[in-house]
Amino acid sequence: MTIFFFTHRFLPDIGGIELSVHHLASALSTLGHDVTVVTQSRDREGWQDTPAYRVIRFHVPQRRPWTRFRCWFWMWRHRKDFARADVLHFHDFTTFINWFLPLRFVLLKPTYAITYHGFEGWPIRTAHKILRRFTSWLMHVRLGVGDYIAKYYGHKIDSYYLGAPVHRSTNEHTPIHRRFAYIGRLERDTEILPFVRCLRDVAATVEEPLSLRLVGNGSLLQALLALRSEKLEISHVPATNSVEEELQTAAFVVCTGFLALFDAFHFKRPAVIPAFSEIKKQYFKSIPAIEHMAFIGYEEEGMVQLLSRLLREDEADSYNYVVDKAEKFISRLSWKSIALQHLALYTER
């Protein structure tokens, strides 16, 4: 099959969509399919795209309200390439609406597919519900990351999946005592900012200092670094640094998305989840028995109490129980099986 993936965000930026698209494209390529990723994410100095599949990075002038028309025109110029595809797969509805919409009524041969990776803010806006339902109506295949999506947006989903680990452990490092690591986007919807406030409050009550390593990029970086204190060291490394090393040297991994969670499971690190909003709660409850595999705080006061308990020296047994359950769960997930799920849906059209 010839498959095109369309995604706003892509490597070398770090985030759930970027990493899941990369690993899915790699798995499909390994199975013998011709995969191309189309993205507006900019390349960075020293970064080389994988040879396993093609990456097309396009850019148009960002001047509203003309940006969308420029994107549509760019896609129109490349319509012959898309017409030869078997599958045109959009990652979230914005790539379809903002980049491709007019061509949907011109190119009728390809199978149209979409993955809804998450949500666009909370509370959910009516405009987003309407646009997602309209997009869903124009698709042949609809996938969702987590089964909460159909409940909140009310559009059809043909199949769900969760993901799989995206980094591999080499066991070359041991955890640094009382170090927390967060790997992902530094944005408000992740709820990392209120979590760090909780961590700062807990640090003020314990004897030994705590440390937090932020790996990623986003608009909250300066606000997060401003929460440093005498008892809480906060450091930041670019998203292109070795993520595996950061995971292996963390005593705890702060997880605000499925892929970071599954990496924590794979690296055998206790996962700490801030799920303060209602939709974040439903997001993580998409994982069966999640309460037995990770430490979850459902509100900020509860998170402070949870962190205080986790930092006690007599909690080792609870870590071992949770890590063991998580390891058994993650052993059943792979990107190959997710790729085969996609292929089955593509061919059912």
Protein backbone atom coordinates (compact mmCIF):
# COMPACT_ATOMS: atom_id res chain seq x y z
CA MET A 1 0.00 0.00 0.00
CA THR A 2 0.97 3.62 -0.55
CA ILE A 3 0.06 5.55 2.60
CA PHE A 4 0.29 9.26 3.39
CA PHE A 5 0.16 10.46 7.01
CA PHE A 6 -0.71 14.13 7.65
CA THR A 7 0.34 15.56 11.01
CA HIS A 8 0.88 19.13 12.26
CA ARG A 9 3.56 18.11 14.77
CA PHE A 10 6.39 15.70 14.10
CA LEU A 11 9.92 14.80 15.16
CA PRO A 12 12.27 16.17 16.36
CA ASP A 13 9.58 17.75 18.57
CA ILE A 14 8.53 15.42 21.39
CA GLY A 15 4.89 14.64 22.04
CA GLY A 16 2.38 11.84 21.80
CA ILE A 17 1.34 12.53 18.20
CA GLU A 18 4.90 12.99 16.97
CA LEU A 19 6.11 9.73 18.47
CA SER A 20 3.06 7.63 17.62
CA VAL A 21 3.11 8.73 13.97
CA HIS A 22 6.82 7.93 13.76
CA HIS A 23 6.49 4.46 15.24
CA LEU A 24 3.39 3.61 13.26
CA ALA A 25 5.04 4.75 10.01
CA SER A 26 8.13 2.70 10.87
CA ALA A 27 6.05 -0.41 11.62
CA LEU A 28 4.07 -0.10 8.38
CA SER A 29 7.29 0.40 6.41
CA THR A 30 8.79 -2.70 8.02
CA LEU A 31 5.72 -4.62 6.83
CA GLY A 32 6.53 -3.56 3.26
CA HIS A 33 4.31 -0.53 2.75
CA ASP A 34 5.30 2.80 1.18
CA VAL A 35 4.73 5.49 3.83
CA THR A 36 5.14 9.27 3.58
CA VAL A 37 4.65 11.73 6.45
CA VAL A 38 3.47 15.23 5.49
CA THR A 39 4.04 17.83 8.20
CA GLN A 40 4.62 21.51 8.93
CA SER A 41 7.07 20.75 11.75
CA ARG A 42 10.39 22.33 10.95
CA ASP A 43 13.60 20.39 10.73
CA ARG A 44 16.33 21.29 13.21
CA GLU A 45 20.08 21.53 13.01
CA GLY A 46 21.69 18.14 13.50
CA TRP A 47 18.44 16.21 12.97
CA GLN A 48 18.16 13.61 10.23
CA ASP A 49 14.86 12.04 9.22
CA THR A 50 14.72 8.26 9.27
CA PRO A 51 15.32 6.46 5.96
CA ALA A 52 12.52 3.98 6.76
CA TYR A 53 9.87 6.29 5.28
CA ARG A 54 9.73 9.68 3.55
CA VAL A 55 9.07 12.97 5.33
CA ILE A 56 7.76 16.02 3.44
CA ARG A 57 8.01 19.26 5.40
CA PHE A 58 6.05 22.10 3.82
CA HIS A 59 5.67 25.70 4.93
CA VAL A 60 3.33 28.48 3.91
CA PRO A 61 3.21 32.09 5.15
CA GLN A 62 1.26 32.30 8.42
CA ARG A 63 -1.05 35.23 7.78
CA ARG A 64 -4.66 34.86 8.81
CA PRO A 65 -7.18 34.46 7.28
CA TRP A 66 -5.16 33.41 4.22
CA THR A 67 -3.08 30.64 5.82
CA ARG A 68 -5.71 27.97 5.23
CA PHE A 69 -6.08 28.91 1.56
CA ARG A 70 -2.32 28.71 1.10
CA CYS A 71 -2.31 25.22 2.64
CA TRP A 72 -5.16 24.14 0.37
CA PHE A 73 -3.26 25.48 -2.62
CA TRP A 74 -0.09 23.60 -1.64
CA MET A 75 -2.08 20.38 -1.39
CA TRP A 76 -3.73 21.09 -4.76
CA ARG A 77 -0.33 21.42 -6.39
CA HIS A 78 0.56 17.94 -5.10
CA ARG A 79 -2.79 16.33 -5.90
CA LYS A 80 -1.27 13.89 -8.42
CA ASP A 81 0.90 12.36 -5.70
CA PHE A 82 -2.10 12.01 -3.38
CA ALA A 83 -4.27 10.59 -6.18
CA ARG A 84 -1.88 7.65 -6.51
CA ALA A 85 -2.14 6.81 -2.80
CA ASP A 86 -4.14 3.92 -1.43
CA VAL A 87 -4.66 5.63 1.94
CA LEU A 88 -4.68 9.26 3.06
CA HIS A 89 -4.56 9.22 6.85
CA PHE A 90 -5.04 12.41 8.90
CA HIS A 91 -3.87 12.74 12.49
CA ASP A 92 -6.57 14.81 14.16
CA PHE A 93 -9.22 16.78 12.32
CA THR A 94 -7.29 20.04 12.01
CA THR A 95 -4.92 18.65 9.37
CA PHE A 96 -7.90 17.59 7.28
CA ILE A 97 -9.92 20.81 7.64
CA ASN A 98 -7.03 23.28 7.49
CA TRP A 99 -4.92 21.56 4.85
CA PHE A 100 -6.93 19.24 2.66
CA LEU A 101 -10.70 19.76 2.76
CA PRO A 102 -11.41 20.87 -0.88
CA LEU A 103 -9.42 17.95 -2.31
CA ARG A 104 -11.65 15.46 -0.49
CA PHE A 105 -14.35 16.13 -3.11
CA VAL A 106 -11.89 15.80 -6.02
CA LEU A 107 -9.82 12.73 -5.07
CA LEU A 108 -12.33 9.93 -4.59
CA LYS A 109 -10.15 6.83 -5.06
CA PRO A 110 -8.03 6.78 -1.84
CA THR A 111 -9.27 5.40 1.44
CA TYR A 112 -9.65 8.30 3.87
CA ALA A 113 -8.70 7.60 7.48
CA ILE A 114 -8.33 9.68 10.63
CA THR A 115 -6.94 9.18 14.11
CA TYR A 116 -8.35 11.31 16.92
CA HIS A 117 -5.43 11.52 19.36
CA GLY A 118 -7.02 13.60 22.08
CA PHE A 119 -9.05 16.69 22.80
CA GLU A 120 -8.82 20.40 21.99
CA GLY A 121 -9.07 22.04 25.38
CA TRP A 122 -11.43 21.58 28.30
CA PRO A 123 -14.32 22.19 28.56
CA ILE A 124 -15.03 20.98 25.03
CA ARG A 125 -16.26 23.66 22.65
CA THR A 126 -19.32 23.17 20.46
CA ALA A 127 -17.35 24.26 17.37
CA HIS A 128 -14.88 21.42 17.90
CA LYS A 129 -17.70 18.90 18.21
CA ILE A 130 -19.23 20.10 14.94
CA LEU A 131 -15.93 20.06 13.03
CA ARG A 132 -14.99 16.62 14.31
CA ARG A 133 -18.38 15.17 13.42
CA PHE A 134 -18.19 16.70 9.94
CA THR A 135 -14.68 15.27 9.45
CA SER A 136 -15.77 11.86 10.73
CA TRP A 137 -18.63 11.82 8.21
CA LEU A 138 -16.14 12.30 5.35
CA MET A 139 -13.84 9.46 6.47
CA HIS A 140 -13.93 5.76 5.64
CA VAL A 141 -11.87 4.74 8.71
CA ARG A 142 -11.97 6.42 12.12
CA LEU A 143 -9.61 5.50 14.95
CA GLY A 144 -9.44 6.87 18.48
CA VAL A 145 -6.66 6.84 21.07
CA GLY A 146 -8.75 5.96 24.10
CA ASP A 147 -12.44 5.09 24.28
CA TYR A 148 -13.48 8.35 25.96
CA ILE A 149 -13.46 10.24 22.64
CA ALA A 150 -16.80 9.09 21.25
CA LYS A 151 -18.46 9.76 24.61
CA TYR A 152 -17.40 13.41 24.72
CA TYR A 153 -17.56 14.32 21.02
CA GLY A 154 -20.40 12.12 19.83
CA HIS A 155 -18.86 11.04 16.50
CA LYS A 156 -18.29 7.54 15.19
CA ILE A 157 -15.11 5.60 16.02
CA ASP A 158 -14.47 2.32 14.19
CA SER A 159 -11.63 1.10 16.39
CA TYR A 160 -9.58 2.17 19.40
CA TYR A 161 -5.97 1.69 20.39
CA LEU A 162 -3.72 2.96 23.19
CA GLY A 163 -0.17 2.84 21.88
CA ALA A 164 3.04 1.06 22.88
CA PRO A 165 6.48 2.00 24.27
CA VAL A 166 8.41 4.43 22.07
CA HIS A 167 11.86 4.21 23.71
CA ARG A 168 13.95 1.16 24.54
CA SER A 169 15.82 0.53 27.79
CA THR A 170 19.52 -0.36 27.73
CA ASN A 171 19.79 -0.66 31.54
CA GLU A 172 23.02 1.36 31.48
CA HIS A 173 22.00 3.78 34.25
CA THR A 174 20.54 3.49 37.71
CA PRO A 175 17.86 5.86 39.04
CA ILE A 176 18.95 9.04 40.76
CA HIS A 177 17.41 9.23 44.21
CA ARG A 178 14.29 11.46 44.40
CA ARG A 179 14.52 12.58 40.76
CA PHE A 180 11.33 13.10 38.77
CA ALA A 181 11.37 13.22 34.96
CA TYR A 182 8.78 14.66 32.61
CA ILE A 183 9.05 14.06 28.86
CA GLY A 184 6.57 15.79 26.58
CA ARG A 185 5.04 19.09 25.56
CA LEU A 186 5.24 21.95 28.04
CA GLU A 187 1.68 23.17 27.50
CA ARG A 188 -1.34 23.82 29.71
CA ASP A 189 -3.48 20.94 28.44
CA THR A 190 -0.90 18.45 29.77
CA GLU A 191 -1.51 19.68 33.37
CA ILE A 192 2.23 19.70 34.04
CA LEU A 193 2.08 23.20 35.56
CA PRO A 194 -0.27 22.36 38.46
CA PHE A 195 1.68 19.15 39.03
CA VAL A 196 4.95 21.05 39.48
CA ARG A 197 3.22 23.39 41.93
CA CYS A 198 2.23 20.29 43.92
CA LEU A 199 5.79 18.97 43.77
CA ARG A 200 7.13 22.31 45.02
CA ASP A 201 4.71 22.24 47.97
CA VAL A 202 5.82 18.72 48.90
CA ALA A 203 9.51 19.59 48.52
CA ALA A 204 9.11 22.30 51.16
CA THR A 205 8.05 19.66 53.72
CA VAL A 206 10.79 17.04 53.24
CA GLU A 207 14.39 17.00 54.44
CA GLU A 208 16.16 15.87 51.25
CA PRO A 209 15.79 18.08 48.16
CA LEU A 210 13.89 16.87 45.09
CA SER A 211 14.77 17.33 41.44
CA LEU A 212 12.68 17.52 38.30
CA ARG A 213 14.03 17.08 34.77
CA LEU A 214 11.92 18.60 31.97
CA VAL A 215 12.51 17.15 28.50
CA GLY A 216 10.50 18.88 25.80
CA ASN A 217 9.46 22.25 24.46
CA GLY A 218 6.50 24.55 24.91
CA SER A 219 5.13 27.86 26.06
CA LEU A 220 5.25 26.97 29.78
CA LEU A 221 9.01 26.51 30.03
CA GLN A 222 9.75 29.80 31.82
CA ALA A 223 6.73 29.47 34.11
CA LEU A 224 7.90 25.99 35.12
CA LEU A 225 11.50 27.05 35.71
CA ALA A 226 10.20 29.91 37.89
CA LEU A 227 8.87 27.31 40.37
CA ARG A 228 12.39 26.34 41.45
CA SER A 229 13.08 26.54 45.16
CA GLU A 230 15.79 25.64 47.65
CA LYS A 231 14.25 22.20 48.00
CA LEU A 232 13.24 21.68 44.35
CA GLU A 233 15.78 21.76 41.54
CA ILE A 234 14.19 22.07 38.08
CA SER A 235 16.33 21.63 34.98
CA HIS A 236 15.48 21.55 31.30
CA VAL A 237 17.10 19.74 28.37
CA PRO A 238 16.18 20.05 24.69
CA ALA A 239 13.83 17.51 23.22
CA THR A 240 16.61 16.16 21.00
CA ASN A 241 18.68 14.94 23.96
CA SER A 242 18.78 11.26 24.88
CA VAL A 243 15.30 10.47 26.15
CA GLU A 244 16.36 6.93 27.09
CA GLU A 245 19.00 8.27 29.48
CA GLU A 246 16.48 10.58 31.15
CA LEU A 247 14.06 7.71 31.68
CA GLN A 248 16.75 5.42 33.05
CA THR A 249 18.04 7.97 35.57
CA ALA A 250 14.58 8.93 36.87
CA ALA A 251 13.26 7.57 40.14
CA PHE A 252 9.72 8.58 39.07
CA VAL A 253 8.29 9.44 35.65
CA VAL A 254 5.56 12.09 35.44
CA CYS A 255 3.11 10.99 32.75
CA THR A 256 0.47 13.18 31.12
CA GLY A 257 -0.12 10.98 28.06
CA PHE A 258 -0.26 7.32 27.08
CA LEU A 259 3.15 7.09 25.41
CA ALA A 260 5.06 8.56 28.35
CA LEU A 261 3.11 6.19 30.59
CA PHE A 262 4.01 3.16 28.50
CA ASP A 263 7.66 4.21 28.47
CA ALA A 264 7.59 4.37 32.27
CA PHE A 265 6.08 0.88 32.31
CA HIS A 266 8.76 -0.42 29.95
CA PHE A 267 11.62 1.18 31.90
CA LYS A 268 10.18 -0.20 35.16
CA ARG A 269 9.80 3.21 36.73
CA PRO A 270 6.88 4.22 38.98
CA ALA A 271 4.54 6.38 36.90
CA VAL A 272 2.94 9.44 38.52
CA ILE A 273 -0.14 10.80 36.72
CA PRO A 274 -1.75 14.22 37.29
CA ALA A 275 -5.35 13.78 36.13
CA PHE A 276 -6.94 16.93 37.52
CA SER A 277 -9.56 17.68 34.86
CA GLU A 278 -12.57 15.47 34.14
CA ILE A 279 -11.42 14.65 30.63
CA LYS A 280 -7.93 13.68 31.82
CA LYS A 281 -9.55 11.32 34.30
CA GLN A 282 -11.56 9.66 31.52
CA TYR A 283 -8.49 9.63 29.26
CA PHE A 284 -6.44 7.54 31.67
CA LYS A 285 -9.38 5.39 32.71
CA SER A 286 -9.38 4.15 29.11
CA ILE A 287 -6.59 1.85 30.31
CA PRO A 288 -8.00 -1.17 32.15
CA ALA A 289 -6.97 -1.38 35.83
CA ILE A 290 -4.83 1.75 35.56
CA GLU A 291 -5.05 2.34 39.33
CA HIS A 292 -3.04 -0.87 39.88
CA MET A 293 -0.24 0.14 37.48
CA ALA A 294 0.39 3.81 38.26
CA PHE A 295 0.03 6.43 40.99
CA ILE A 296 -2.77 8.85 40.06
CA GLY A 297 -3.76 12.14 41.65
CA TYR A 298 -7.27 13.24 40.69
CA GLU A 299 -7.01 16.69 42.26
CA GLU A 300 -4.14 18.88 43.42
CA GLU A 301 -4.66 18.30 47.14
CA GLY A 302 -4.75 14.56 46.54
CA MET A 303 -1.56 14.78 44.47
CA VAL A 304 0.27 16.52 47.32
CA GLN A 305 -0.74 13.72 49.68
CA LEU A 306 0.21 11.07 47.12
CA LEU A 307 3.67 12.56 46.54
CA SER A 308 4.29 12.83 50.27
CA ARG A 309 3.49 9.13 50.62
CA LEU A 310 5.62 8.08 47.66
CA LEU A 311 8.68 9.83 49.05
CA ARG A 312 8.59 7.84 52.27
CA GLU A 313 11.31 5.20 52.52
CA ASP A 314 8.87 2.44 53.51
CA GLU A 315 6.95 2.59 50.20
CA ALA A 316 9.26 0.24 48.25
CA ASP A 317 6.78 -2.63 48.34
CA SER A 318 4.04 -0.53 46.75
CA TYR A 319 6.47 0.50 43.97
CA ASN A 320 7.33 -3.10 43.23
CA TYR A 321 3.68 -4.16 43.06
CA VAL A 322 2.74 -1.35 40.68
CA VAL A 323 5.81 -1.75 38.47
CA ASP A 324 5.25 -5.50 38.17
CA LYS A 325 1.62 -5.05 37.12
CA ALA A 326 2.62 -2.37 34.60
CA GLU A 327 5.37 -4.54 33.09
CA LYS A 328 2.95 -7.41 32.48
CA PHE A 329 0.48 -5.04 30.83
CA ILE A 330 3.01 -3.39 28.52
CA SER A 331 4.42 -6.72 27.34
CA ARG A 332 1.19 -7.21 25.35
CA LEU A 333 1.44 -3.95 23.38
CA SER A 334 3.49 -3.45 20.21
CA TRP A 335 3.54 -1.08 17.24
CA LYS A 336 3.47 -4.05 14.86
CA SER A 337 0.09 -5.15 16.21
CA ILE A 338 -1.19 -1.56 15.95
CA ALA A 339 0.05 -1.38 12.33
CA LEU A 340 -1.77 -4.64 11.52
CA GLN A 341 -4.93 -3.20 13.10
CA HIS A 342 -4.65 -0.19 10.77
CA LEU A 343 -4.11 -2.35 7.70
CA ALA A 344 -7.15 -4.46 8.49
CA LEU A 345 -9.30 -1.35 8.74
CA TYR A 346 -7.89 0.13 5.50
CA THR A 347 -8.81 -2.99 3.54
CA GLU A 348 -12.32 -3.26 4.98
CA ARG A 349 -13.52 -0.24 3.02
